[in-house]
Amino acid sequence: MRCPFCSKIENKVIDSRLSKDGRTIRRRRECLGCERRFTTYEKLEDVLPLVIKKDGRREPFNRDKIISGIRNACQKLPVSMTRIEEFVDSLEIYFQEIGKKEIESSNIGEMVINKLKEWDEVAYVRFASVYRQFKDINEFMSELTDILKNKKDHEQH
């Protein structure tokens, strides 16, 4: 690790700590050249699958894109950023653990849409309207009718 102050490579680790999630190590280092201290973070390189888009293109898994889509759906709703990030963390871990090299974007979308359905009906409808690309107002109304019917069924039980 190169010193950010004097660019020398020789340094020693003074302290190492594991992050709360256990996926990152924070190291305090001291440069043997200028004796200044700096912090580095080590993270295991993610082995995430490529995402197969609807048009067949492949692109790297991008957690920021997922967070952005969920944040847009949850705008002005009582869904915390922490909750969103924890969910996306769980998605990343899941996709790492299944070990596939590629995954359909529709799989990710369905997982997101199901989570939003649990969290907030408005967020769910917002996301569904973009994700499912309703052809017309009748498709959209059909989705809303299903939500209302399920809500009514849950209230009766």
C-alpha atoms as a PDB file:
ATOM      1  CA  MET A   1       0.000   0.000   0.000  1.00  0.00           C
ATOM      2  CA  ARG A   2       1.478   3.329  -1.083  1.00  0.00           C
ATOM      3  CA  CYS A   3       1.539   6.150   1.504  1.00  0.00           C
ATOM      4  CA  PRO A   4      -0.874   8.922   0.438  1.00  0.00           C
ATOM      5  CA  PHE A   5       1.525  11.551   1.865  1.00  0.00           C
ATOM      6  CA  CYS A   6       5.016  10.607   0.658  1.00  0.00           C
ATOM      7  CA  SER A   7       4.234   7.737  -1.795  1.00  0.00           C
ATOM      8  CA  LYS A   8       6.615   5.275  -0.116  1.00  0.00           C
ATOM      9  CA  ILE A   9       5.461   1.657  -0.189  1.00  0.00           C
ATOM     10  CA  GLU A  10       6.874   0.523   3.161  1.00  0.00           C
ATOM     11  CA  ASN A  11       4.395   0.757   6.035  1.00  0.00           C
ATOM     12  CA  LYS A  12       3.234  -1.215   9.032  1.00  0.00           C
ATOM     13  CA  VAL A  13      -0.241  -2.126  10.242  1.00  0.00           C
ATOM     14  CA  ILE A  14      -0.974  -0.633  13.666  1.00  0.00           C
ATOM     15  CA  ASP A  15      -4.573  -1.796  14.120  1.00  0.00           C
ATOM     16  CA  SER A  16      -7.091  -3.957  12.241  1.00  0.00           C
ATOM     17  CA  ARG A  17     -10.831  -4.075  12.846  1.00  0.00           C
ATOM     18  CA  LEU A  18     -13.632  -5.999  11.200  1.00  0.00           C
ATOM     19  CA  SER A  19     -16.678  -4.003  10.073  1.00  0.00           C
ATOM     20  CA  LYS A  20     -20.090  -4.673  11.609  1.00  0.00           C
ATOM     21  CA  ASP A  21     -21.202  -6.780   8.655  1.00  0.00           C
ATOM     22  CA  GLY A  22     -17.940  -8.751   8.711  1.00  0.00           C
ATOM     23  CA  ARG A  23     -17.243  -8.043   5.034  1.00  0.00           C
ATOM     24  CA  THR A  24     -14.656  -5.251   5.340  1.00  0.00           C
ATOM     25  CA  ILE A  25     -11.434  -4.867   7.339  1.00  0.00           C
ATOM     26  CA  ARG A  26     -10.341  -1.394   8.436  1.00  0.00           C
ATOM     27  CA  ARG A  27      -6.587  -1.103   8.885  1.00  0.00           C
ATOM     28  CA  ARG A  28      -4.677   1.760  10.517  1.00  0.00           C
ATOM     29  CA  ARG A  29      -1.221   2.002   8.981  1.00  0.00           C
ATOM     30  CA  GLU A  30       1.937   3.968   9.658  1.00  0.00           C
ATOM     31  CA  CYS A  31       4.338   4.885   6.878  1.00  0.00           C
ATOM     32  CA  LEU A  32       7.918   3.812   7.628  1.00  0.00           C
ATOM     33  CA  GLY A  33       9.175   6.738   5.511  1.00  0.00           C
ATOM     34  CA  CYS A  34       7.352   9.826   6.823  1.00  0.00           C
ATOM     35  CA  GLU A  35       5.823   8.186   9.931  1.00  0.00           C
ATOM     36  CA  ARG A  36       2.353   9.577   9.155  1.00  0.00           C
ATOM     37  CA  ARG A  37      -0.709   7.420   9.698  1.00  0.00           C
ATOM     38  CA  PHE A  38      -3.496   6.573   7.281  1.00  0.00           C
ATOM     39  CA  THR A  39      -6.446   4.196   7.052  1.00  0.00           C
ATOM     40  CA  THR A  40      -7.141   1.564   4.416  1.00  0.00           C
ATOM     41  CA  TYR A  41     -10.145  -0.669   3.893  1.00  0.00           C
ATOM     42  CA  GLU A  42      -9.979  -4.187   2.549  1.00  0.00           C
ATOM     43  CA  LYS A  43     -13.037  -5.773   1.039  1.00  0.00           C
ATOM     44  CA  LEU A  44     -13.352  -9.205  -0.472  1.00  0.00           C
ATOM     45  CA  GLU A  45     -13.822  -8.805  -4.195  1.00  0.00           C
ATOM     46  CA  ASP A  46     -17.420  -9.493  -5.000  1.00  0.00           C
ATOM     47  CA  VAL A  47     -18.113 -12.327  -7.360  1.00  0.00           C
ATOM     48  CA  LEU A  48     -21.449 -11.163  -8.644  1.00  0.00           C
ATOM     49  CA  PRO A  49     -23.168 -12.430 -11.775  1.00  0.00           C
ATOM     50  CA  LEU A  50     -23.657 -10.501 -14.971  1.00  0.00           C
ATOM     51  CA  VAL A  51     -27.201  -9.238 -15.414  1.00  0.00           C
ATOM     52  CA  ILE A  52     -28.979 -10.243 -18.629  1.00  0.00           C
ATOM     53  CA  LYS A  53     -31.166  -7.324 -19.685  1.00  0.00           C
ATOM     54  CA  LYS A  54     -34.494  -7.681 -21.517  1.00  0.00           C
ATOM     55  CA  ASP A  55     -32.802  -6.898 -24.857  1.00  0.00           C
ATOM     56  CA  GLY A  56     -30.129  -9.567 -24.282  1.00  0.00           C
ATOM     57  CA  ARG A  57     -27.305  -7.195 -23.316  1.00  0.00           C
ATOM     58  CA  ARG A  58     -25.178  -8.212 -20.362  1.00  0.00           C
ATOM     59  CA  GLU A  59     -23.870  -5.813 -17.763  1.00  0.00           C
ATOM     60  CA  PRO A  60     -22.277  -6.115 -14.333  1.00  0.00           C
ATOM     61  CA  PHE A  61     -24.552  -6.342 -11.295  1.00  0.00           C
ATOM     62  CA  ASN A  62     -24.969  -2.747 -10.118  1.00  0.00           C
ATOM     63  CA  ARG A  63     -26.243  -2.239  -6.568  1.00  0.00           C
ATOM     64  CA  ASP A  64     -26.466   1.531  -7.114  1.00  0.00           C
ATOM     65  CA  LYS A  65     -28.979   1.049  -9.928  1.00  0.00           C
ATOM     66  CA  ILE A  66     -31.155  -1.118  -7.690  1.00  0.00           C
ATOM     67  CA  ILE A  67     -30.928   1.350  -4.801  1.00  0.00           C
ATOM     68  CA  SER A  68     -31.813   4.207  -7.141  1.00  0.00           C
ATOM     69  CA  GLY A  69     -34.905   2.407  -8.453  1.00  0.00           C
ATOM     70  CA  ILE A  70     -36.088   1.561  -4.950  1.00  0.00           C
ATOM     71  CA  ARG A  71     -35.404   5.104  -3.696  1.00  0.00           C
ATOM     72  CA  ASN A  72     -37.449   6.557  -6.548  1.00  0.00           C
ATOM     73  CA  ALA A  73     -40.339   4.240  -5.728  1.00  0.00           C
ATOM     74  CA  CYS A  74     -40.097   5.094  -2.004  1.00  0.00           C
ATOM     75  CA  GLN A  75     -39.737   8.847  -2.450  1.00  0.00           C
ATOM     76  CA  LYS A  76     -41.618  10.741   0.299  1.00  0.00           C
ATOM     77  CA  LEU A  77     -42.650   7.461   1.937  1.00  0.00           C
ATOM     78  CA  PRO A  78     -41.634   6.110   5.361  1.00  0.00           C
ATOM     79  CA  VAL A  79     -38.968   3.690   4.054  1.00  0.00           C
ATOM     80  CA  SER A  80     -35.488   4.364   5.451  1.00  0.00           C
ATOM     81  CA  MET A  81     -32.292   4.346   3.431  1.00  0.00           C
ATOM     82  CA  THR A  82     -30.898   1.831   5.933  1.00  0.00           C
ATOM     83  CA  ARG A  83     -33.744  -0.560   5.166  1.00  0.00           C
ATOM     84  CA  ILE A  84     -33.158  -0.188   1.424  1.00  0.00           C
ATOM     85  CA  GLU A  85     -29.401  -0.756   1.732  1.00  0.00           C
ATOM     86  CA  GLU A  86     -29.868  -3.787   3.985  1.00  0.00           C
ATOM     87  CA  PHE A  87     -32.239  -5.303   1.429  1.00  0.00           C
ATOM     88  CA  VAL A  88     -29.793  -4.670  -1.438  1.00  0.00           C
ATOM     89  CA  ASP A  89     -26.989  -6.129   0.724  1.00  0.00           C
ATOM     90  CA  SER A  90     -29.097  -9.273   1.152  1.00  0.00           C
ATOM     91  CA  LEU A  91     -29.655  -9.412  -2.633  1.00  0.00           C
ATOM     92  CA  GLU A  92     -25.901  -9.202  -3.257  1.00  0.00           C
ATOM     93  CA  ILE A  93     -25.183 -11.948  -0.739  1.00  0.00           C
ATOM     94  CA  TYR A  94     -27.918 -14.137  -2.227  1.00  0.00           C
ATOM     95  CA  PHE A  95     -26.579 -13.741  -5.773  1.00  0.00           C
ATOM     96  CA  GLN A  96     -23.012 -14.442  -4.606  1.00  0.00           C
ATOM     97  CA  GLU A  97     -24.118 -17.567  -2.756  1.00  0.00           C
ATOM     98  CA  ILE A  98     -26.102 -19.105  -5.621  1.00  0.00           C
ATOM     99  CA  GLY A  99     -22.916 -18.925  -7.680  1.00  0.00           C
ATOM    100  CA  LYS A 100     -24.465 -18.316 -11.104  1.00  0.00           C
ATOM    101  CA  LYS A 101     -22.378 -16.440 -13.649  1.00  0.00           C
ATOM    102  CA  GLU A 102     -25.449 -14.726 -15.149  1.00  0.00           C
ATOM    103  CA  ILE A 103     -28.899 -13.788 -13.892  1.00  0.00           C
ATOM    104  CA  GLU A 104     -31.938 -12.373 -15.671  1.00  0.00           C
ATOM    105  CA  SER A 105     -32.800  -8.784 -14.762  1.00  0.00           C
ATOM    106  CA  SER A 106     -36.392  -9.993 -14.328  1.00  0.00           C
ATOM    107  CA  ASN A 107     -35.281 -12.132 -11.349  1.00  0.00           C
ATOM    108  CA  ILE A 108     -33.896  -9.059  -9.630  1.00  0.00           C
ATOM    109  CA  GLY A 109     -36.978  -7.027 -10.521  1.00  0.00           C
ATOM    110  CA  GLU A 110     -39.341  -9.629  -9.081  1.00  0.00           C
ATOM    111  CA  MET A 111     -37.369  -9.797  -5.837  1.00  0.00           C
ATOM    112  CA  VAL A 112     -37.488  -6.002  -5.542  1.00  0.00           C
ATOM    113  CA  ILE A 113     -41.169  -5.792  -6.382  1.00  0.00           C
ATOM    114  CA  ASN A 114     -42.050  -8.459  -3.802  1.00  0.00           C
ATOM    115  CA  LYS A 115     -40.094  -6.609  -1.105  1.00  0.00           C
ATOM    116  CA  LEU A 116     -41.778  -3.307  -1.974  1.00  0.00           C
ATOM    117  CA  LYS A 117     -45.159  -5.021  -1.769  1.00  0.00           C
ATOM    118  CA  GLU A 118     -44.285  -5.956   1.844  1.00  0.00           C
ATOM    119  CA  TRP A 119     -43.042  -2.464   2.712  1.00  0.00           C
ATOM    120  CA  ASP A 120     -45.482  -0.034   1.132  1.00  0.00           C
ATOM    121  CA  GLU A 121     -48.319  -0.305  -1.393  1.00  0.00           C
ATOM    122  CA  VAL A 122     -47.580   3.068  -2.989  1.00  0.00           C
ATOM    123  CA  ALA A 123     -43.887   2.201  -3.480  1.00  0.00           C
ATOM    124  CA  TYR A 124     -44.941  -1.132  -4.946  1.00  0.00           C
ATOM    125  CA  VAL A 125     -47.323   0.503  -7.455  1.00  0.00           C
ATOM    126  CA  ARG A 126     -44.742   3.124  -8.433  1.00  0.00           C
ATOM    127  CA  PHE A 127     -42.083   0.495  -9.069  1.00  0.00           C
ATOM    128  CA  ALA A 128     -44.529  -1.850 -10.816  1.00  0.00           C
ATOM    129  CA  SER A 129     -45.691   0.893 -13.170  1.00  0.00           C
ATOM    130  CA  VAL A 130     -42.123   1.360 -14.428  1.00  0.00           C
ATOM    131  CA  TYR A 131     -40.890  -2.222 -14.119  1.00  0.00           C
ATOM    132  CA  ARG A 132     -43.905  -3.987 -15.606  1.00  0.00           C
ATOM    133  CA  GLN A 133     -44.374  -1.320 -18.287  1.00  0.00           C
ATOM    134  CA  PHE A 134     -48.159  -1.472 -18.303  1.00  0.00           C
ATOM    135  CA  LYS A 135     -49.469  -1.221 -21.856  1.00  0.00           C
ATOM    136  CA  ASP A 136     -52.518   0.820 -20.912  1.00  0.00           C
ATOM    137  CA  ILE A 137     -54.612   2.073 -18.007  1.00  0.00           C
ATOM    138  CA  ASN A 138     -56.608  -1.202 -17.896  1.00  0.00           C
ATOM    139  CA  GLU A 139     -53.486  -3.232 -17.039  1.00  0.00           C
ATOM    140  CA  PHE A 140     -52.605  -0.691 -14.379  1.00  0.00           C
ATOM    141  CA  MET A 141     -56.138  -0.752 -12.937  1.00  0.00           C
ATOM    142  CA  SER A 142     -56.081  -4.546 -12.905  1.00  0.00           C
ATOM    143  CA  GLU A 143     -52.920  -4.439 -10.756  1.00  0.00           C
ATOM    144  CA  LEU A 144     -54.522  -1.903  -8.389  1.00  0.00           C
ATOM    145  CA  THR A 145     -57.672  -4.026  -8.146  1.00  0.00           C
ATOM    146  CA  ASP A 146     -55.565  -7.045  -7.135  1.00  0.00           C
ATOM    147  CA  ILE A 147     -53.851  -4.998  -4.428  1.00  0.00           C
ATOM    148  CA  LEU A 148     -57.155  -3.754  -3.050  1.00  0.00           C
ATOM    149  CA  LYS A 149     -58.657  -7.246  -3.128  1.00  0.00           C
ATOM    150  CA  ASN A 150     -55.647  -8.713  -1.260  1.00  0.00           C
ATOM    151  CA  LYS A 151     -55.787  -5.894   1.280  1.00  0.00           C
ATOM    152  CA  LYS A 152     -59.499  -6.506   1.869  1.00  0.00           C
ATOM    153  CA  ASP A 153     -58.912 -10.267   2.241  1.00  0.00           C
ATOM    154  CA  HIS A 154     -56.156  -9.653   4.841  1.00  0.00           C
ATOM    155  CA  GLU A 155     -58.359  -7.268   6.821  1.00  0.00           C
ATOM    156  CA  GLN A 156     -61.158  -9.844   7.018  1.00  0.00           C
ATOM    157  CA  HIS A 157     -58.849 -12.560   8.446  1.00  0.00           C
END
